[in-house]
Amino acid sequence: MNKVTTYFQESYKELVEKVTWPTWAQLQQSTMIVLVATLLITAIVWVMDLAAQSGLKFIYSLFS
C-alpha cells in the first residue's frame, strides 16, 4: 500500500512542479493547427474517395 501512496504523491508533485502548462494563447494556436490539419486531411481523404469511386464506376461500366 505504501508504493501506491508514493506513486500518487510523486504523480501529483510532477503535475504541479515539473509540468509546464501552455498559456491560453499557445493552447488556442495549437487547437487551430490541429483543426486546420484535420480539415486538410479530411479533404484529401474525400478527394481520394471520390477518385476511387469514379475509377471503380468506370471499370465496372466496362464489364456491364
N, C-alpha and C. Protein backbone atom coordinates (compact mmCIF):
# COMPACT_ATOMS: atom_id res chain seq x y z
N MET A 1 0.82 -1.20 0.00
CA MET A 1 0.00 0.00 0.00
C MET A 1 0.87 1.26 0.00
N ASN A 2 2.05 1.13 0.58
CA ASN A 2 2.96 2.26 0.65
C ASN A 2 3.42 2.67 -0.75
N LYS A 3 3.60 1.70 -1.64
CA LYS A 3 4.03 2.00 -3.01
C LYS A 3 2.95 2.78 -3.77
N VAL A 4 1.71 2.42 -3.53
CA VAL A 4 0.60 3.10 -4.21
C VAL A 4 0.52 4.55 -3.75
N THR A 5 0.65 4.77 -2.45
CA THR A 5 0.61 6.12 -1.90
C THR A 5 1.78 6.95 -2.45
N THR A 6 2.95 6.36 -2.49
CA THR A 6 4.12 7.05 -3.02
C THR A 6 3.92 7.40 -4.49
N TYR A 7 3.34 6.48 -5.24
CA TYR A 7 3.09 6.71 -6.66
C TYR A 7 2.19 7.93 -6.85
N PHE A 8 1.09 8.00 -6.10
CA PHE A 8 0.18 9.13 -6.24
C PHE A 8 0.81 10.44 -5.77
N GLN A 9 1.60 10.39 -4.73
CA GLN A 9 2.27 11.60 -4.26
C GLN A 9 3.27 12.11 -5.29
N GLU A 10 4.03 11.21 -5.88
CA GLU A 10 5.00 11.61 -6.89
C GLU A 10 4.32 12.09 -8.18
N SER A 11 3.21 11.45 -8.53
CA SER A 11 2.47 11.89 -9.71
C SER A 11 1.92 13.29 -9.52
N TYR A 12 1.37 13.56 -8.35
CA TYR A 12 0.85 14.90 -8.06
C TYR A 12 1.97 15.93 -8.08
N LYS A 13 3.10 15.58 -7.48
CA LYS A 13 4.24 16.50 -7.44
C LYS A 13 4.72 16.81 -8.86
N GLU A 14 4.76 15.80 -9.70
CA GLU A 14 5.20 16.01 -11.08
C GLU A 14 4.22 16.93 -11.82
N LEU A 15 2.93 16.72 -11.64
CA LEU A 15 1.94 17.56 -12.31
C LEU A 15 2.01 19.01 -11.84
N VAL A 16 2.28 19.22 -10.58
CA VAL A 16 2.27 20.57 -10.03
C VAL A 16 3.59 21.30 -10.27
N GLU A 17 4.71 20.60 -10.14
CA GLU A 17 6.00 21.27 -10.16
C GLU A 17 6.80 21.11 -11.45
N LYS A 18 6.68 19.98 -12.12
CA LYS A 18 7.56 19.71 -13.26
C LYS A 18 6.91 19.94 -14.62
N VAL A 19 5.61 19.86 -14.69
CA VAL A 19 4.93 20.03 -15.97
C VAL A 19 4.79 21.51 -16.29
N THR A 20 5.10 21.87 -17.52
CA THR A 20 4.88 23.25 -17.95
C THR A 20 3.59 23.28 -18.77
N TRP A 21 2.62 23.98 -18.26
CA TRP A 21 1.32 24.05 -18.91
C TRP A 21 1.34 25.18 -19.93
N PRO A 22 0.68 24.99 -21.07
CA PRO A 22 0.68 26.05 -22.09
C PRO A 22 -0.16 27.24 -21.64
N THR A 23 0.20 28.39 -22.20
CA THR A 23 -0.62 29.58 -21.94
C THR A 23 -1.88 29.48 -22.78
N TRP A 24 -2.83 30.39 -22.51
CA TRP A 24 -4.08 30.37 -23.25
C TRP A 24 -3.84 30.62 -24.74
N ALA A 25 -2.92 31.51 -25.06
CA ALA A 25 -2.61 31.80 -26.47
C ALA A 25 -1.97 30.59 -27.15
N GLN A 26 -1.07 29.91 -26.47
CA GLN A 26 -0.45 28.72 -27.03
C GLN A 26 -1.48 27.62 -27.24
N LEU A 27 -2.39 27.49 -26.31
CA LEU A 27 -3.44 26.48 -26.42
C LEU A 27 -4.35 26.76 -27.60
N GLN A 28 -4.71 28.03 -27.80
CA GLN A 28 -5.55 28.40 -28.94
C GLN A 28 -4.81 28.15 -30.25
N GLN A 29 -3.53 28.49 -30.31
CA GLN A 29 -2.75 28.28 -31.52
C GLN A 29 -2.65 26.79 -31.84
N SER A 30 -2.37 25.99 -30.85
CA SER A 30 -2.28 24.54 -31.07
C SER A 30 -3.62 23.96 -31.53
N THR A 31 -4.69 24.46 -30.95
CA THR A 31 -6.02 23.98 -31.33
C THR A 31 -6.31 24.33 -32.78
N MET A 32 -5.95 25.53 -33.21
CA MET A 32 -6.18 25.93 -34.60
C MET A 32 -5.34 25.08 -35.56
N ILE A 33 -4.11 24.78 -35.18
CA ILE A 33 -3.26 23.94 -36.02
C ILE A 33 -3.88 22.56 -36.18
N VAL A 34 -4.35 21.99 -35.10
CA VAL A 34 -4.97 20.67 -35.15
C VAL A 34 -6.25 20.72 -35.98
N LEU A 35 -7.04 21.76 -35.82
CA LEU A 35 -8.28 21.89 -36.58
C LEU A 35 -8.01 22.00 -38.08
N VAL A 36 -7.05 22.84 -38.46
CA VAL A 36 -6.71 23.01 -39.88
C VAL A 36 -6.15 21.71 -40.45
N ALA A 37 -5.28 21.05 -39.72
CA ALA A 37 -4.71 19.79 -40.18
C ALA A 37 -5.80 18.73 -40.36
N THR A 38 -6.74 18.69 -39.43
CA THR A 38 -7.84 17.73 -39.52
C THR A 38 -8.70 18.00 -40.75
N LEU A 39 -9.02 19.26 -40.99
CA LEU A 39 -9.82 19.61 -42.17
C LEU A 39 -9.07 19.30 -43.46
N LEU A 40 -7.77 19.57 -43.48
CA LEU A 40 -6.97 19.28 -44.66
C LEU A 40 -6.91 17.78 -44.96
N ILE A 41 -6.65 17.00 -43.95
CA ILE A 41 -6.58 15.55 -44.13
C ILE A 41 -7.95 15.00 -44.53
N THR A 42 -9.02 15.54 -43.94
CA THR A 42 -10.37 15.12 -44.31
C THR A 42 -10.64 15.42 -45.78
N ALA A 43 -10.24 16.59 -46.25
CA ALA A 43 -10.44 16.96 -47.65
C ALA A 43 -9.65 16.03 -48.57
N ILE A 44 -8.42 15.72 -48.20
CA ILE A 44 -7.59 14.82 -49.02
C ILE A 44 -8.23 13.44 -49.11
N VAL A 45 -8.69 12.91 -47.99
CA VAL A 45 -9.33 11.59 -47.99
C VAL A 45 -10.61 11.63 -48.82
N TRP A 46 -11.38 12.71 -48.73
CA TRP A 46 -12.61 12.85 -49.50
C TRP A 46 -12.32 12.84 -51.01
N VAL A 47 -11.28 13.58 -51.42
CA VAL A 47 -10.90 13.61 -52.84
C VAL A 47 -10.44 12.23 -53.29
N MET A 48 -9.65 11.56 -52.46
CA MET A 48 -9.20 10.21 -52.81
C MET A 48 -10.38 9.25 -52.93
N ASP A 49 -11.37 9.40 -52.05
CA ASP A 49 -12.56 8.56 -52.10
C ASP A 49 -13.35 8.81 -53.39
N LEU A 50 -13.50 10.08 -53.75
CA LEU A 50 -14.21 10.40 -55.00
C LEU A 50 -13.46 9.85 -56.21
N ALA A 51 -12.15 9.96 -56.21
CA ALA A 51 -11.36 9.43 -57.32
C ALA A 51 -11.50 7.91 -57.42
N ALA A 52 -11.43 7.24 -56.30
CA ALA A 52 -11.58 5.78 -56.30
C ALA A 52 -12.97 5.37 -56.75
N GLN A 53 -13.98 6.10 -56.29
CA GLN A 53 -15.35 5.81 -56.67
C GLN A 53 -15.53 5.98 -58.18
N SER A 54 -15.02 7.07 -58.72
CA SER A 54 -15.13 7.32 -60.16
C SER A 54 -14.36 6.27 -60.95
N GLY A 55 -13.18 5.92 -60.49
CA GLY A 55 -12.39 4.89 -61.17
C GLY A 55 -13.07 3.55 -61.17
N LEU A 56 -13.64 3.17 -60.04
CA LEU A 56 -14.33 1.88 -59.98
C LEU A 56 -15.60 1.88 -60.82
N LYS A 57 -16.33 2.99 -60.83
CA LYS A 57 -17.52 3.08 -61.68
C LYS A 57 -17.14 2.91 -63.14
N PHE A 58 -16.02 3.51 -63.55
CA PHE A 58 -15.56 3.39 -64.92
C PHE A 58 -15.20 1.93 -65.24
N ILE A 59 -14.45 1.30 -64.33
CA ILE A 59 -14.06 -0.09 -64.55
C ILE A 59 -15.29 -1.00 -64.60
N TYR A 60 -16.26 -0.79 -63.71
CA TYR A 60 -17.47 -1.61 -63.72
C TYR A 60 -18.27 -1.39 -64.99
N SER A 61 -18.26 -0.17 -65.51
CA SER A 61 -19.02 0.11 -66.72
C SER A 61 -18.41 -0.60 -67.93
N LEU A 62 -17.14 -0.91 -67.89
CA LEU A 62 -16.50 -1.63 -68.99
C LEU A 62 -16.99 -3.08 -69.08
N PHE A 63 -17.38 -3.64 -67.95
CA PHE A 63 -17.77 -5.05 -67.92
C PHE A 63 -19.28 -5.25 -67.87
N SER A 64 -20.05 -4.18 -67.95
CA SER A 64 -21.51 -4.33 -67.91
C SER A 64 -22.09 -4.31 -69.30
